[in-house]
Amino acid sequence: MSAGKFIAGFIVGGVVGAVIGVLLAPQSGEETREKIGQGAKDAYEKAQGAVKEIQAKADDVVGEMQKKGEEIIAKIQDLINKKESEQQ
């Protein structure tokens, strides 16, 4: 399972649990709406943080892959140059 799917499931589960808890709590409709709104805002902020964290990790992975790719290209170029010099 990918990290993105896990985080999305975690966030959705948290929101659903919070909404159910608020709806079942004995309070006025106005208080309930306020709590639901605050819960949605909190979930949105957490989702933004998770997205930023995933993006940072993805950027790190892409950077590493580019570095490895450049190293491989340099090695291949060295092998090509070596073969060409042997043939002459």
Protein backbone atom coordinates (compact mmCIF):
# COMPACT_ATOMS: atom_id res chain seq x y z
CA MET A 1 0.00 0.00 0.00
CA SER A 2 1.37 3.41 -0.91
CA ALA A 3 2.03 6.11 1.65
CA GLY A 4 -0.38 8.46 -0.12
CA LYS A 5 -3.26 6.01 0.15
CA PHE A 6 -2.46 5.35 3.81
CA ILE A 7 -2.39 9.05 4.67
CA ALA A 8 -5.60 9.72 2.73
CA GLY A 9 -7.33 6.84 4.54
CA PHE A 10 -6.01 8.07 7.87
CA ILE A 11 -7.32 11.58 7.26
CA VAL A 12 -10.72 10.42 6.00
CA GLY A 13 -11.07 8.06 8.94
CA GLY A 14 -10.22 10.83 11.37
CA VAL A 15 -12.74 13.20 9.82
CA VAL A 16 -15.49 10.58 9.80
CA GLY A 17 -14.80 9.69 13.42
CA ALA A 18 -14.79 13.32 14.48
CA VAL A 19 -18.07 14.04 12.67
CA ILE A 20 -19.77 11.00 14.20
CA GLY A 21 -18.52 11.98 17.66
CA VAL A 22 -19.78 15.55 17.26
CA LEU A 23 -23.16 14.44 15.93
CA LEU A 24 -23.70 12.06 18.84
CA ALA A 25 -22.67 14.59 21.51
CA PRO A 26 -25.52 16.24 23.46
CA GLN A 27 -25.32 19.92 22.44
CA SER A 28 -27.17 22.57 20.46
CA GLY A 29 -27.24 22.65 16.65
CA GLU A 30 -25.15 25.81 16.56
CA GLU A 31 -22.44 24.25 18.72
CA THR A 32 -22.52 21.12 16.56
CA ARG A 33 -22.13 23.12 13.34
CA GLU A 34 -19.27 25.08 14.87
CA LYS A 35 -17.48 21.89 15.92
CA ILE A 36 -18.00 20.31 12.49
CA GLY A 37 -16.62 23.44 10.82
CA GLN A 38 -13.60 23.47 13.12
CA GLY A 39 -13.05 19.77 12.53
CA ALA A 40 -13.13 20.29 8.76
CA LYS A 41 -10.65 23.15 9.08
CA ASP A 42 -8.33 21.02 11.22
CA ALA A 43 -8.55 18.12 8.76
CA TYR A 44 -7.76 20.45 5.86
CA GLU A 45 -4.69 21.80 7.68
CA LYS A 46 -3.49 18.28 8.49
CA ALA A 47 -3.99 17.23 4.87
CA GLN A 48 -1.96 20.22 3.70
CA GLY A 49 0.85 19.25 6.06
CA ALA A 50 0.76 15.65 4.84
CA VAL A 51 0.85 16.77 1.20
CA LYS A 52 3.85 19.03 1.87
CA GLU A 53 5.66 16.18 3.65
CA ILE A 54 4.97 13.74 0.80
CA GLN A 55 6.07 16.32 -1.76
CA ALA A 56 9.32 16.94 0.11
CA LYS A 57 10.04 13.20 0.25
CA ALA A 58 9.20 12.85 -3.45
CA ASP A 59 11.55 15.73 -4.28
CA ASP A 60 14.32 13.98 -2.33
CA VAL A 61 13.72 10.72 -4.18
CA VAL A 62 13.69 12.46 -7.57
CA GLY A 63 16.92 14.26 -6.70
CA GLU A 64 18.59 11.00 -5.74
CA MET A 65 17.36 9.32 -8.93
CA GLN A 66 18.72 12.17 -11.04
CA LYS A 67 22.08 11.92 -9.29
CA LYS A 68 22.24 8.15 -9.84
CA GLY A 69 21.18 8.60 -13.46
CA GLU A 70 23.95 11.13 -14.04
CA GLU A 71 26.47 8.74 -12.48
CA ILE A 72 25.29 5.89 -14.74
CA ILE A 73 25.46 8.10 -17.83
CA ALA A 74 29.01 9.16 -16.91
CA LYS A 75 30.07 5.51 -16.47
CA ILE A 76 28.52 4.53 -19.80
CA GLN A 77 30.23 7.46 -21.51
CA ASP A 78 33.55 6.40 -19.98
CA LEU A 79 33.05 2.84 -21.27
CA ILE A 80 32.19 4.13 -24.74
CA ASN A 81 35.25 6.35 -24.79
CA LYS A 82 37.41 3.48 -23.60
CA LYS A 83 36.10 1.15 -26.34
CA GLU A 84 36.63 3.83 -28.98
CA SER A 85 40.21 4.39 -27.87
CA GLU A 86 40.89 0.62 -27.92
CA GLN A 87 39.58 0.34 -31.48
CA GLN A 88 41.90 3.04 -32.79
